[in-house]
PDB file of N, CA and C in Angstrom:
ATOM      1  N   MET A   1      80.893 -35.484  23.871  1.00  0.00           N
ATOM      2  CA  MET A   1      82.213 -36.052  24.023  1.00  0.00           C
ATOM      3  C   MET A   1      82.859 -35.488  25.289  1.00  0.00           C
ATOM      4  N   PRO A   2      83.532 -36.322  26.052  1.00  0.00           N
ATOM      5  CA  PRO A   2      84.143 -35.845  27.298  1.00  0.00           C
ATOM      6  C   PRO A   2      85.397 -35.015  27.036  1.00  0.00           C
ATOM      7  N   VAL A   3      85.687 -34.136  27.981  1.00  0.00           N
ATOM      8  CA  VAL A   3      86.932 -33.371  27.948  1.00  0.00           C
ATOM      9  C   VAL A   3      87.997 -34.209  28.633  1.00  0.00           C
ATOM     10  N   MET A   4      89.123 -34.372  27.980  1.00  0.00           N
ATOM     11  CA  MET A   4      90.235 -35.157  28.530  1.00  0.00           C
ATOM     12  C   MET A   4      91.260 -34.197  29.120  1.00  0.00           C
ATOM     13  N   CYS A   5      91.760 -34.509  30.328  1.00  0.00           N
ATOM     14  CA  CYS A   5      92.771 -33.686  30.993  1.00  0.00           C
ATOM     15  C   CYS A   5      94.064 -34.486  31.113  1.00  0.00           C
ATOM     16  N   PHE A   6      95.187 -33.826  30.834  1.00  0.00           N
ATOM     17  CA  PHE A   6      96.489 -34.475  30.878  1.00  0.00           C
ATOM     18  C   PHE A   6      97.448 -33.631  31.708  1.00  0.00           C
ATOM     19  N   PRO A   7      97.948 -34.163  32.842  1.00  0.00           N
ATOM     20  CA  PRO A   7      98.913 -33.416  33.630  1.00  0.00           C
ATOM     21  C   PRO A   7     100.290 -33.452  32.968  1.00  0.00           C
ATOM     22  N   GLY A   8     101.085 -32.457  33.255  1.00  0.00           N
ATOM     23  CA  GLY A   8     102.429 -32.410  32.709  1.00  0.00           C
ATOM     24  C   GLY A   8     103.274 -31.404  33.457  1.00  0.00           C
ATOM     25  N   ALA A   9     104.517 -31.260  33.037  1.00  0.00           N
ATOM     26  CA  ALA A   9     105.416 -30.282  33.631  1.00  0.00           C
ATOM     27  C   ALA A   9     106.346 -29.784  32.546  1.00  0.00           C
ATOM     28  N   VAL A  10     106.680 -28.513  32.627  1.00  0.00           N
ATOM     29  CA  VAL A  10     107.600 -27.913  31.683  1.00  0.00           C
ATOM     30  C   VAL A  10     108.711 -27.238  32.480  1.00  0.00           C
ATOM     31  N   LYS A  11     109.941 -27.347  31.979  1.00  0.00           N
ATOM     32  CA  LYS A  11     111.069 -26.724  32.669  1.00  0.00           C
ATOM     33  C   LYS A  11     111.017 -25.225  32.416  1.00  0.00           C
ATOM     34  N   GLY A  12     111.125 -24.433  33.488  1.00  0.00           N
ATOM     35  CA  GLY A  12     111.095 -22.975  33.374  1.00  0.00           C
ATOM     36  C   GLY A  12     112.214 -22.476  32.491  1.00  0.00           C
ATOM     37  N   GLY A  13     112.008 -21.371  31.848  1.00  0.00           N
ATOM     38  CA  GLY A  13     113.013 -20.811  30.950  1.00  0.00           C
ATOM     39  C   GLY A  13     113.351 -19.397  31.356  1.00  0.00           C
ATOM     40  N   THR A  14     113.909 -18.657  30.442  1.00  0.00           N
ATOM     41  CA  THR A  14     114.336 -17.296  30.749  1.00  0.00           C
ATOM     42  C   THR A  14     113.160 -16.345  30.919  1.00  0.00           C
ATOM     43  N   ASN A  15     111.958 -16.768  30.514  1.00  0.00           N
ATOM     44  CA  ASN A  15     110.786 -15.905  30.705  1.00  0.00           C
ATOM     45  C   ASN A  15     110.180 -16.046  32.093  1.00  0.00           C
ATOM     46  N   CYS A  16     110.667 -17.020  32.871  1.00  0.00           N
ATOM     47  CA  CYS A  16     110.133 -17.231  34.206  1.00  0.00           C
ATOM     48  C   CYS A  16     110.894 -16.360  35.201  1.00  0.00           C
ATOM     49  N   PRO A  17     110.189 -15.706  36.111  1.00  0.00           N
ATOM     50  CA  PRO A  17     110.861 -14.826  37.072  1.00  0.00           C
ATOM     51  C   PRO A  17     111.610 -15.608  38.152  1.00  0.00           C
ATOM     52  N   GLY A  18     112.727 -15.064  38.597  1.00  0.00           N
ATOM     53  CA  GLY A  18     113.492 -15.477  39.775  1.00  0.00           C
ATOM     54  C   GLY A  18     113.563 -16.950  40.068  1.00  0.00           C
ATOM     55  N   GLU A  19     112.945 -17.352  41.184  1.00  0.00           N
ATOM     56  CA  GLU A  19     113.087 -18.705  41.698  1.00  0.00           C
ATOM     57  C   GLU A  19     112.516 -19.764  40.762  1.00  0.00           C
ATOM     58  N   TYR A  20     111.649 -19.376  39.837  1.00  0.00           N
ATOM     59  CA  TYR A  20     111.047 -20.362  38.944  1.00  0.00           C
ATOM     60  C   TYR A  20     111.937 -20.699  37.763  1.00  0.00           C
ATOM     61  N   GLN A  21     112.940 -19.889  37.518  1.00  0.00           N
ATOM     62  CA  GLN A  21     113.792 -20.114  36.360  1.00  0.00           C
ATOM     63  C   GLN A  21     114.521 -21.450  36.511  1.00  0.00           C
ATOM     64  N   GLY A  22     114.327 -22.341  35.538  1.00  0.00           N
ATOM     65  CA  GLY A  22     114.974 -23.644  35.567  1.00  0.00           C
ATOM     66  C   GLY A  22     114.218 -24.701  36.337  1.00  0.00           C
ATOM     67  N   ASN A  23     113.175 -24.356  37.093  1.00  0.00           N
ATOM     68  CA  ASN A  23     112.396 -25.326  37.849  1.00  0.00           C
ATOM     69  C   ASN A  23     111.261 -25.868  36.983  1.00  0.00           C
ATOM     70  N   LEU A  24     110.754 -27.044  37.354  1.00  0.00           N
ATOM     71  CA  LEU A  24     109.619 -27.609  36.634  1.00  0.00           C
ATOM     72  C   LEU A  24     108.335 -26.888  37.043  1.00  0.00           C
ATOM     73  N   GLN A  25     107.551 -26.519  36.044  1.00  0.00           N
ATOM     74  CA  GLN A  25     106.277 -25.850  36.282  1.00  0.00           C
ATOM     75  C   GLN A  25     105.150 -26.803  35.890  1.00  0.00           C
ATOM     76  N   PRO A  26     104.289 -27.166  36.850  1.00  0.00           N
ATOM     77  CA  PRO A  26     103.206 -28.090  36.515  1.00  0.00           C
ATOM     78  C   PRO A  26     102.124 -27.381  35.687  1.00  0.00           C
ATOM     79  N   TYR A  27     101.439 -28.168  34.872  1.00  0.00           N
ATOM     80  CA  TYR A  27     100.305 -27.647  34.102  1.00  0.00           C
ATOM     81  C   TYR A  27      99.351 -28.795  33.818  1.00  0.00           C
ATOM     82  N   VAL A  28      98.164 -28.435  33.399  1.00  0.00           N
ATOM     83  CA  VAL A  28      97.179 -29.419  32.947  1.00  0.00           C
ATOM     84  C   VAL A  28      96.679 -28.952  31.593  1.00  0.00           C
ATOM     85  N   SER A  29      96.781 -29.803  30.589  1.00  0.00           N
ATOM     86  CA  SER A  29      96.234 -29.465  29.272  1.00  0.00           C
ATOM     87  C   SER A  29      94.897 -30.165  29.106  1.00  0.00           C
ATOM     88  N   GLN A  30      94.045 -29.611  28.275  1.00  0.00           N
ATOM     89  CA  GLN A  30      92.734 -30.192  28.022  1.00  0.00           C
ATOM     90  C   GLN A  30      92.550 -30.363  26.524  1.00  0.00           C
ATOM     91  N   SER A  31      91.829 -31.405  26.153  1.00  0.00           N
ATOM     92  CA  SER A  31      91.474 -31.585  24.752  1.00  0.00           C
ATOM     93  C   SER A  31      90.092 -32.203  24.669  1.00  0.00           C
ATOM     94  N   LYS A  32      89.452 -31.992  23.548  1.00  0.00           N
ATOM     95  CA  LYS A  32      88.118 -32.537  23.323  1.00  0.00           C
ATOM     96  C   LYS A  32      88.044 -33.017  21.891  1.00  0.00           C
ATOM     97  N   THR A  33      87.530 -34.218  21.706  1.00  0.00           N
ATOM     98  CA  THR A  33      87.316 -34.751  20.374  1.00  0.00           C
ATOM     99  C   THR A  33      85.851 -34.528  20.021  1.00  0.00           C
ATOM    100  N   TRP A  34      85.629 -33.875  18.901  1.00  0.00           N
ATOM    101  CA  TRP A  34      84.262 -33.559  18.482  1.00  0.00           C
ATOM    102  C   TRP A  34      83.681 -34.714  17.692  1.00  0.00           C
ATOM    103  N   GLY A  35      82.390 -34.884  17.784  1.00  0.00           N
ATOM    104  CA  GLY A  35      81.697 -35.923  17.042  1.00  0.00           C
ATOM    105  C   GLY A  35      81.491 -35.517  15.590  1.00  0.00           C
ATOM    106  N   PRO A  36      80.827 -36.367  14.826  1.00  0.00           N
ATOM    107  CA  PRO A  36      80.591 -36.053  13.421  1.00  0.00           C
ATOM    108  C   PRO A  36      79.641 -34.852  13.265  1.00  0.00           C
ATOM    109  N   VAL A  37      79.775 -34.188  12.139  1.00  0.00           N
ATOM    110  CA  VAL A  37      78.925 -33.036  11.827  1.00  0.00           C
ATOM    111  C   VAL A  37      77.513 -33.521  11.554  1.00  0.00           C
ATOM    112  N   SER A  38      76.529 -32.764  12.032  1.00  0.00           N
ATOM    113  CA  SER A  38      75.131 -33.116  11.832  1.00  0.00           C
ATOM    114  C   SER A  38      74.784 -33.128  10.349  1.00  0.00           C
ATOM    115  N   SER A  39      73.949 -34.071   9.954  1.00  0.00           N
ATOM    116  CA  SER A  39      73.529 -34.142   8.562  1.00  0.00           C
ATOM    117  C   SER A  39      72.223 -33.382   8.326  1.00  0.00           C
ATOM    118  N   THR A  40      71.723 -32.691   9.345  1.00  0.00           N
ATOM    119  CA  THR A  40      70.500 -31.910   9.206  1.00  0.00           C
ATOM    120  C   THR A  40      70.766 -30.710   8.312  1.00  0.00           C
ATOM    121  N   PRO A  41      69.982 -30.532   7.261  1.00  0.00           N
ATOM    122  CA  PRO A  41      70.215 -29.385   6.384  1.00  0.00           C
ATOM    123  C   PRO A  41      69.880 -28.070   7.089  1.00  0.00           C
ATOM    124  N   ALA A  42      70.571 -27.019   6.700  1.00  0.00           N
ATOM    125  CA  ALA A  42      70.312 -25.697   7.274  1.00  0.00           C
ATOM    126  C   ALA A  42      68.914 -25.241   6.874  1.00  0.00           C
ATOM    127  N   SER A  43      68.264 -24.499   7.768  1.00  0.00           N
ATOM    128  CA  SER A  43      66.946 -23.950   7.449  1.00  0.00           C
ATOM    129  C   SER A  43      66.891 -22.509   7.942  1.00  0.00           C
ATOM    130  N   ASP A  44      66.003 -21.764   7.358  1.00  0.00           N
ATOM    131  CA  ASP A  44      65.840 -20.359   7.719  1.00  0.00           C
ATOM    132  C   ASP A  44      64.822 -20.269   8.854  1.00  0.00           C
ATOM    133  N   SER A  45      65.188 -20.830  10.010  1.00  0.00           N
ATOM    134  CA  SER A  45      64.274 -20.827  11.158  1.00  0.00           C
ATOM    135  C   SER A  45      65.082 -20.810  12.449  1.00  0.00           C
ATOM    136  N   LEU A  46      64.460 -20.275  13.489  1.00  0.00           N
ATOM    137  CA  LEU A  46      65.062 -20.240  14.825  1.00  0.00           C
ATOM    138  C   LEU A  46      64.021 -20.662  15.841  1.00  0.00           C
ATOM    139  N   SER A  47      64.435 -21.458  16.813  1.00  0.00           N
ATOM    140  CA  SER A  47      63.573 -21.816  17.945  1.00  0.00           C
ATOM    141  C   SER A  47      64.043 -21.008  19.142  1.00  0.00           C
ATOM    142  N   ILE A  48      63.130 -20.274  19.738  1.00  0.00           N
ATOM    143  CA  ILE A  48      63.462 -19.400  20.863  1.00  0.00           C
ATOM    144  C   ILE A  48      62.626 -19.807  22.065  1.00  0.00           C
ATOM    145  N   THR A  49      63.285 -20.030  23.193  1.00  0.00           N
ATOM    146  CA  THR A  49      62.593 -20.241  24.455  1.00  0.00           C
ATOM    147  C   THR A  49      63.011 -19.106  25.375  1.00  0.00           C
ATOM    148  N   GLY A  50      62.074 -18.238  25.694  1.00  0.00           N
ATOM    149  CA  GLY A  50      62.369 -17.080  26.533  1.00  0.00           C
ATOM    150  C   GLY A  50      61.770 -17.234  27.911  1.00  0.00           C
ATOM    151  N   THR A  51      62.588 -17.092  28.933  1.00  0.00           N
ATOM    152  CA  THR A  51      62.124 -17.134  30.317  1.00  0.00           C
ATOM    153  C   THR A  51      62.582 -15.858  30.993  1.00  0.00           C
ATOM    154  N   ASN A  52      61.630 -15.076  31.494  1.00  0.00           N
ATOM    155  CA  ASN A  52      61.930 -13.829  32.183  1.00  0.00           C
ATOM    156  C   ASN A  52      62.675 -12.849  31.267  1.00  0.00           C
ATOM    157  N   VAL A  53      62.270 -12.832  29.984  1.00  0.00           N
ATOM    158  CA  VAL A  53      62.872 -11.949  28.989  1.00  0.00           C
ATOM    159  C   VAL A  53      61.743 -11.173  28.314  1.00  0.00           C
ATOM    160  N   ALA A  54      61.910  -9.853  28.190  1.00  0.00           N
ATOM    161  CA  ALA A  54      60.882  -9.036  27.542  1.00  0.00           C
ATOM    162  C   ALA A  54      61.250  -8.662  26.117  1.00  0.00           C
ATOM    163  N   THR A  55      62.546  -8.463  25.856  1.00  0.00           N
ATOM    164  CA  THR A  55      62.990  -8.096  24.507  1.00  0.00           C
ATOM    165  C   THR A  55      64.279  -8.839  24.174  1.00  0.00           C
ATOM    166  N   MET A  56      64.469  -9.077  22.886  1.00  0.00           N
ATOM    167  CA  MET A  56      65.726  -9.657  22.432  1.00  0.00           C
ATOM    168  C   MET A  56      65.989  -9.197  21.012  1.00  0.00           C
ATOM    169  N   THR A  57      67.268  -9.144  20.661  1.00  0.00           N
ATOM    170  CA  THR A  57      67.683  -8.767  19.318  1.00  0.00           C
ATOM    171  C   THR A  57      68.517  -9.904  18.752  1.00  0.00           C
ATOM    172  N   ILE A  58      68.204 -10.291  17.523  1.00  0.00           N
ATOM    173  CA  ILE A  58      68.936 -11.348  16.836  1.00  0.00           C
ATOM    174  C   ILE A  58      69.676 -10.719  15.664  1.00  0.00           C
ATOM    175  N   ASP A  59      70.975 -10.910  15.612  1.00  0.00           N
ATOM    176  CA  ASP A  59      71.786 -10.456  14.486  1.00  0.00           C
ATOM    177  C   ASP A  59      71.642 -11.519  13.399  1.00  0.00           C
ATOM    178  N   VAL A  60      70.930 -11.186  12.306  1.00  0.00           N
ATOM    179  CA  VAL A  60      70.628 -12.187  11.286  1.00  0.00           C
ATOM    180  C   VAL A  60      71.885 -12.728  10.609  1.00  0.00           C
ATOM    181  N   ILE A  61      72.923 -11.925  10.489  1.00  0.00           N
ATOM    182  CA  ILE A  61      74.156 -12.398   9.854  1.00  0.00           C
ATOM    183  C   ILE A  61      74.834 -13.439  10.746  1.00  0.00           C
ATOM    184  N   ARG A  62      74.966 -13.138  12.033  1.00  0.00           N
ATOM    185  CA  ARG A  62      75.609 -14.090  12.952  1.00  0.00           C
ATOM    186  C   ARG A  62      74.772 -15.345  13.142  1.00  0.00           C
ATOM    187  N   ALA A  63      73.437 -15.215  13.046  1.00  0.00           N
ATOM    188  CA  ALA A  63      72.550 -16.370  13.212  1.00  0.00           C
ATOM    189  C   ALA A  63      72.413 -17.177  11.916  1.00  0.00           C
ATOM    190  N   HIS A  64      73.006 -16.676  10.823  1.00  0.00           N
ATOM    191  CA  HIS A  64      72.944 -17.348   9.516  1.00  0.00           C
ATOM    192  C   HIS A  64      71.512 -17.554   9.043  1.00  0.00           C
ATOM    193  N   VAL A  65      70.690 -16.514   9.213  1.00  0.00           N
ATOM    194  CA  VAL A  65      69.324 -16.518   8.701  1.00  0.00           C
ATOM    195  C   VAL A  65      69.118 -15.218   7.922  1.00  0.00           C
ATOM    196  N   ASP A  66      67.958 -15.092   7.273  1.00  0.00           N
ATOM    197  CA  ASP A  66      67.667 -13.836   6.586  1.00  0.00           C
ATOM    198  C   ASP A  66      66.481 -13.148   7.265  1.00  0.00           C
ATOM    199  N   CYS A  67      66.019 -12.066   6.674  1.00  0.00           N
ATOM    200  CA  CYS A  67      64.957 -11.267   7.290  1.00  0.00           C
ATOM    201  C   CYS A  67      63.592 -11.956   7.238  1.00  0.00           C
ATOM    202  N   ASN A  68      63.477 -13.050   6.486  1.00  0.00           N
ATOM    203  CA  ASN A  68      62.219 -13.806   6.412  1.00  0.00           C
ATOM    204  C   ASN A  68      62.255 -15.052   7.291  1.00  0.00           C
ATOM    205  N   VAL A  69      63.122 -15.063   8.283  1.00  0.00           N
ATOM    206  CA  VAL A  69      63.296 -16.212   9.160  1.00  0.00           C
ATOM    207  C   VAL A  69      61.975 -16.598   9.833  1.00  0.00           C
ATOM    208  N   HIS A  70      61.744 -17.907   9.973  1.00  0.00           N
ATOM    209  CA  HIS A  70      60.586 -18.405  10.708  1.00  0.00           C
ATOM    210  C   HIS A  70      60.987 -18.498  12.173  1.00  0.00           C
ATOM    211  N   LEU A  71      60.231 -17.848  13.056  1.00  0.00           N
ATOM    212  CA  LEU A  71      60.524 -17.854  14.492  1.00  0.00           C
ATOM    213  C   LEU A  71      59.510 -18.739  15.207  1.00  0.00           C
ATOM    214  N   ALA A  72      59.987 -19.771  15.880  1.00  0.00           N
ATOM    215  CA  ALA A  72      59.154 -20.615  16.730  1.00  0.00           C
ATOM    216  C   ALA A  72      59.450 -20.189  18.164  1.00  0.00           C
ATOM    217  N   VAL A  73      58.514 -19.456  18.780  1.00  0.00           N
ATOM    218  CA  VAL A  73      58.774 -18.812  20.071  1.00  0.00           C
ATOM    219  C   VAL A  73      57.918 -19.411  21.176  1.00  0.00           C
ATOM    220  N   THR A  74      58.568 -19.736  22.276  1.00  0.00           N
ATOM    221  CA  THR A  74      57.885 -20.119  23.508  1.00  0.00           C
ATOM    222  C   THR A  74      58.379 -19.155  24.576  1.00  0.00           C
ATOM    223  N   SER A  75      57.447 -18.493  25.273  1.00  0.00           N
ATOM    224  CA  SER A  75      57.844 -17.507  26.272  1.00  0.00           C
ATOM    225  C   SER A  75      56.887 -17.531  27.447  1.00  0.00           C
ATOM    226  N   ASP A  76      57.393 -17.159  28.625  1.00  0.00           N
ATOM    227  CA  ASP A  76      56.549 -17.109  29.813  1.00  0.00           C
ATOM    228  C   ASP A  76      55.856 -15.757  29.966  1.00  0.00           C
ATOM    229  N   GLY A  77      55.999 -14.881  28.979  1.00  0.00           N
ATOM    230  CA  GLY A  77      55.358 -13.567  29.001  1.00  0.00           C
ATOM    231  C   GLY A  77      55.530 -12.900  27.652  1.00  0.00           C
ATOM    232  N   PRO A  78      55.096 -11.654  27.537  1.00  0.00           N
ATOM    233  CA  PRO A  78      55.251 -10.935  26.275  1.00  0.00           C
ATOM    234  C   PRO A  78      56.724 -10.828  25.884  1.00  0.00           C
ATOM    235  N   LEU A  79      57.015 -11.031  24.609  1.00  0.00           N
ATOM    236  CA  LEU A  79      58.388 -10.997  24.114  1.00  0.00           C
ATOM    237  C   LEU A  79      58.426 -10.250  22.789  1.00  0.00           C
ATOM    238  N   THR A  80      59.328  -9.282  22.695  1.00  0.00           N
ATOM    239  CA  THR A  80      59.554  -8.532  21.461  1.00  0.00           C
ATOM    240  C   THR A  80      60.877  -8.986  20.873  1.00  0.00           C
ATOM    241  N   VAL A  81      60.852  -9.444  19.605  1.00  0.00           N
ATOM    242  CA  VAL A  81      62.050  -9.915  18.927  1.00  0.00           C
ATOM    243  C   VAL A  81      62.352  -8.967  17.773  1.00  0.00           C
ATOM    244  N   THR A  82      63.553  -8.387  17.780  1.00  0.00           N
ATOM    245  CA  THR A  82      63.995  -7.490  16.714  1.00  0.00           C
ATOM    246  C   THR A  82      65.100  -8.184  15.935  1.00  0.00           C
ATOM    247  N   LEU A  83      65.015  -8.092  14.600  1.00  0.00           N
ATOM    248  CA  LEU A  83      66.028  -8.690  13.737  1.00  0.00           C
ATOM    249  C   LEU A  83      66.994  -7.615  13.283  1.00  0.00           C
ATOM    250  N   ALA A  84      68.189  -7.599  13.898  1.00  0.00           N
ATOM    251  CA  ALA A  84      69.208  -6.612  13.545  1.00  0.00           C
ATOM    252  C   ALA A  84      69.755  -6.942  12.162  1.00  0.00           C
ATOM    253  N   GLY A  85      69.921  -5.918  11.338  1.00  0.00           N
ATOM    254  CA  GLY A  85      70.390  -6.106   9.977  1.00  0.00           C
ATOM    255  C   GLY A  85      69.262  -6.143   8.976  1.00  0.00           C
ATOM    256  N   CYS A  86      68.036  -6.005   9.465  1.00  0.00           N
ATOM    257  CA  CYS A  86      66.842  -5.967   8.606  1.00  0.00           C
ATOM    258  C   CYS A  86      66.221  -4.584   8.705  1.00  0.00           C
ATOM    259  N   PRO A  87      65.269  -4.272   7.817  1.00  0.00           N
ATOM    260  CA  PRO A  87      64.599  -2.957   7.919  1.00  0.00           C
ATOM    261  C   PRO A  87      64.049  -2.736   9.338  1.00  0.00           C
ATOM    262  N   SER A  88      63.990  -1.485   9.735  1.00  0.00           N
ATOM    263  CA  SER A  88      63.591  -1.147  11.115  1.00  0.00           C
ATOM    264  C   SER A  88      62.207  -1.670  11.484  1.00  0.00           C
ATOM    265  N   SER A  89      61.397  -1.987  10.506  1.00  0.00           N
ATOM    266  CA  SER A  89      60.050  -2.496  10.811  1.00  0.00           C
ATOM    267  C   SER A  89      60.049  -3.993  11.099  1.00  0.00           C
ATOM    268  N   THR A  90      61.225  -4.630  11.119  1.00  0.00           N
ATOM    269  CA  THR A  90      61.303  -6.065  11.346  1.00  0.00           C
ATOM    270  C   THR A  90      61.363  -6.367  12.836  1.00  0.00           C
ATOM    271  N   THR A  91      60.235  -6.192  13.487  1.00  0.00           N
ATOM    272  CA  THR A  91      60.087  -6.494  14.911  1.00  0.00           C
ATOM    273  C   THR A  91      58.828  -7.344  15.061  1.00  0.00           C
ATOM    274  N   ALA A  92      58.929  -8.412  15.818  1.00  0.00           N
ATOM    275  CA  ALA A  92      57.773  -9.285  16.036  1.00  0.00           C
ATOM    276  C   ALA A  92      57.433  -9.292  17.513  1.00  0.00           C
ATOM    277  N   PHE A  93      56.157  -9.404  17.808  1.00  0.00           N
ATOM    278  CA  PHE A  93      55.667  -9.417  19.182  1.00  0.00           C
ATOM    279  C   PHE A  93      55.006 -10.767  19.438  1.00  0.00           C
ATOM    280  N   PHE A  94      55.393 -11.392  20.541  1.00  0.00           N
ATOM    281  CA  PHE A  94      54.825 -12.697  20.891  1.00  0.00           C
ATOM    282  C   PHE A  94      54.250 -12.635  22.284  1.00  0.00           C
TER     283      PHE A  94
END
């Protein structure tokens, strides 16, 4: 969806310093209309494409996955993936 821009002006108030007080201040506001929510069900998997990366850490809580997540990894070299929030032995090498 495109970002829409709308020009406008607001009259300066008592919070505006010196010469701007009472003058019109130009601004541009932006808005975006989002499309419908995807109907794809959530899954315990992540797709990772690594370029020029040797290590990465994924916070499982923020990624909304658990420690048994399926990792589909494509990398241009060796990649070590650590799952933060899981036992310390939860590191995978690709």
